[in-house]
Amino acid sequence: MKLLSLALLALAVLASPAFAGEITPYSQSRFDALSASGQPVLLAVHASWCPTCKAQRPILDALMAKPAYQGVTTLTIDFDADKPLLKRYKVGMQSTLIAFKGTHEVGRTVGDTTPAGIESLVHKTVE
């Protein structure tokens, strides 16, 4: 029954309108559906007070606007409010970016604010 529910959720996600590099708050059901269907996902762990996180955001916005990354979904995780997720994904610091291709983690960075470095990570999700 759980597999059927997950399959239906994945179908709903795939049937929803495509957004160019969508950036949205983390939802476990959304992450599960995207990863189960093999979709590229970037987790962005941020804190509102973090200057590094603030520097990463415009870079992510620009990358998600590129046609090459239109299928990538960025899910944001609040470093201060989502402590169980930090434990689940083994995150020790804000400004952590974790790239997934389907269910597999393909890379991560901490504190990177270079456009080339962040794009290199995002590109791993679509290779």
Protein backbone atom coordinates (compact mmCIF):
# COMPACT_ATOMS: atom_id res chain seq x y z
CA MET A 1 0.00 0.00 0.00
CA LYS A 2 2.85 2.40 0.85
CA LEU A 3 4.48 1.70 -2.51
CA LEU A 4 1.21 2.46 -4.30
CA SER A 5 0.84 5.73 -2.38
CA LEU A 6 4.41 6.70 -3.23
CA ALA A 7 3.83 5.85 -6.89
CA LEU A 8 0.67 7.98 -7.00
CA LEU A 9 2.48 10.86 -5.33
CA ALA A 10 5.34 10.59 -7.82
CA LEU A 11 2.84 10.64 -10.67
CA ALA A 12 1.20 13.76 -9.24
CA VAL A 13 4.55 15.51 -8.96
CA LEU A 14 5.50 14.60 -12.51
CA ALA A 15 2.10 15.64 -13.84
CA SER A 16 2.29 19.07 -12.21
CA PRO A 17 3.41 21.95 -14.40
CA ALA A 18 7.17 22.16 -14.86
CA PHE A 19 8.90 25.15 -13.40
CA ALA A 20 12.37 26.22 -14.49
CA GLY A 21 14.54 25.13 -11.63
CA GLU A 22 11.95 25.35 -8.91
CA ILE A 23 13.09 26.47 -5.43
CA THR A 24 10.66 25.56 -2.68
CA PRO A 25 10.67 24.68 1.04
CA TYR A 26 11.54 21.07 1.89
CA SER A 27 8.73 18.57 2.15
CA GLN A 28 9.50 14.92 2.90
CA SER A 29 6.73 13.74 0.59
CA ARG A 30 8.01 15.95 -2.23
CA PHE A 31 11.61 14.78 -1.75
CA ASP A 32 10.49 11.13 -1.67
CA ALA A 33 8.41 11.49 -4.83
CA LEU A 34 11.13 13.32 -6.74
CA SER A 35 13.90 10.96 -5.72
CA ALA A 36 11.78 7.83 -6.31
CA SER A 37 11.06 9.01 -9.84
CA GLY A 38 14.77 9.65 -10.49
CA GLN A 39 14.47 13.43 -10.60
CA PRO A 40 17.42 15.71 -9.74
CA VAL A 41 17.15 17.42 -6.36
CA LEU A 42 19.34 19.96 -4.59
CA LEU A 43 18.92 20.42 -0.84
CA ALA A 44 19.91 23.90 0.31
CA VAL A 45 20.37 24.23 4.07
CA HIS A 46 20.11 27.88 5.02
CA ALA A 47 19.69 30.22 7.96
CA SER A 48 18.14 33.67 7.74
CA TRP A 49 21.06 35.20 9.67
CA CYS A 50 23.79 33.54 7.58
CA PRO A 51 25.70 35.85 5.19
CA THR A 52 27.08 32.87 3.25
CA CYS A 53 23.54 31.55 2.70
CA LYS A 54 22.49 35.00 1.50
CA ALA A 55 25.38 34.99 -0.98
CA GLN A 56 24.40 31.52 -2.26
CA ARG A 57 20.76 32.38 -2.96
CA PRO A 58 21.22 34.69 -6.00
CA ILE A 59 23.64 32.15 -7.48
CA LEU A 60 21.05 29.39 -7.06
CA ASP A 61 18.33 31.64 -8.50
CA ALA A 62 20.48 32.35 -11.58
CA LEU A 63 21.37 28.68 -12.06
CA MET A 64 17.77 27.54 -11.72
CA ALA A 65 16.83 30.00 -14.48
CA LYS A 66 19.16 28.26 -16.94
CA PRO A 67 17.50 25.82 -19.35
CA ALA A 68 20.06 23.14 -18.44
CA TYR A 69 18.65 23.00 -14.91
CA GLN A 70 14.92 23.36 -15.58
CA GLY A 71 14.34 19.84 -14.24
CA VAL A 72 16.22 20.40 -10.98
CA THR A 73 14.16 21.05 -7.86
CA THR A 74 15.86 22.88 -5.01
CA LEU A 75 14.35 22.14 -1.62
CA THR A 76 15.32 24.55 1.15
CA ILE A 77 15.87 23.38 4.72
CA ASP A 78 15.85 25.89 7.59
CA PHE A 79 18.97 25.30 9.69
CA ASP A 80 17.34 26.65 12.85
CA ALA A 81 13.88 25.07 12.54
CA ASP A 82 14.47 21.70 10.85
CA LYS A 83 16.88 19.96 13.26
CA PRO A 84 15.64 16.40 12.51
CA LEU A 85 16.44 16.96 8.82
CA LEU A 86 19.94 18.11 9.70
CA LYS A 87 20.50 14.83 11.49
CA ARG A 88 18.96 12.78 8.66
CA TYR A 89 21.21 14.38 6.03
CA LYS A 90 24.27 14.64 8.32
CA VAL A 91 24.46 18.44 8.10
CA GLY A 92 26.58 20.29 10.67
CA MET A 93 26.51 23.80 9.22
CA GLN A 94 24.20 26.16 7.43
CA SER A 95 25.17 26.96 3.83
CA THR A 96 25.33 23.24 3.02
CA LEU A 97 24.20 22.20 -0.45
CA ILE A 98 23.52 18.51 -1.15
CA ALA A 99 22.95 17.19 -4.67
CA PHE A 100 20.85 14.10 -5.40
CA LYS A 101 20.31 12.22 -8.61
CA GLY A 102 17.31 10.08 -7.84
CA THR A 103 17.88 8.44 -4.46
CA HIS A 104 21.68 8.79 -4.55
CA GLU A 105 23.66 11.68 -3.12
CA VAL A 106 26.11 12.74 -5.83
CA GLY A 107 27.87 15.57 -4.02
CA ARG A 108 27.79 18.27 -1.36
CA THR A 109 29.46 21.54 -0.50
CA VAL A 110 29.62 23.66 2.62
CA GLY A 111 30.09 27.41 2.46
CA ASP A 112 30.75 27.62 -1.28
CA THR A 113 29.77 31.00 -2.72
CA THR A 114 31.44 30.70 -6.10
CA PRO A 115 29.13 30.45 -9.10
CA ALA A 116 31.42 27.89 -10.74
CA GLY A 117 31.58 25.71 -7.63
CA ILE A 118 27.84 25.72 -7.06
CA GLU A 119 27.12 25.10 -10.73
CA SER A 120 29.55 22.17 -10.71
CA LEU A 121 27.54 20.64 -7.85
CA VAL A 122 24.16 21.28 -9.50
CA HIS A 123 25.46 19.86 -12.78
CA LYS A 124 26.14 16.52 -11.05
CA THR A 125 22.38 16.08 -10.64
CA VAL A 126 21.77 16.15 -14.40
CA GLU A 127 24.85 14.31 -15.75
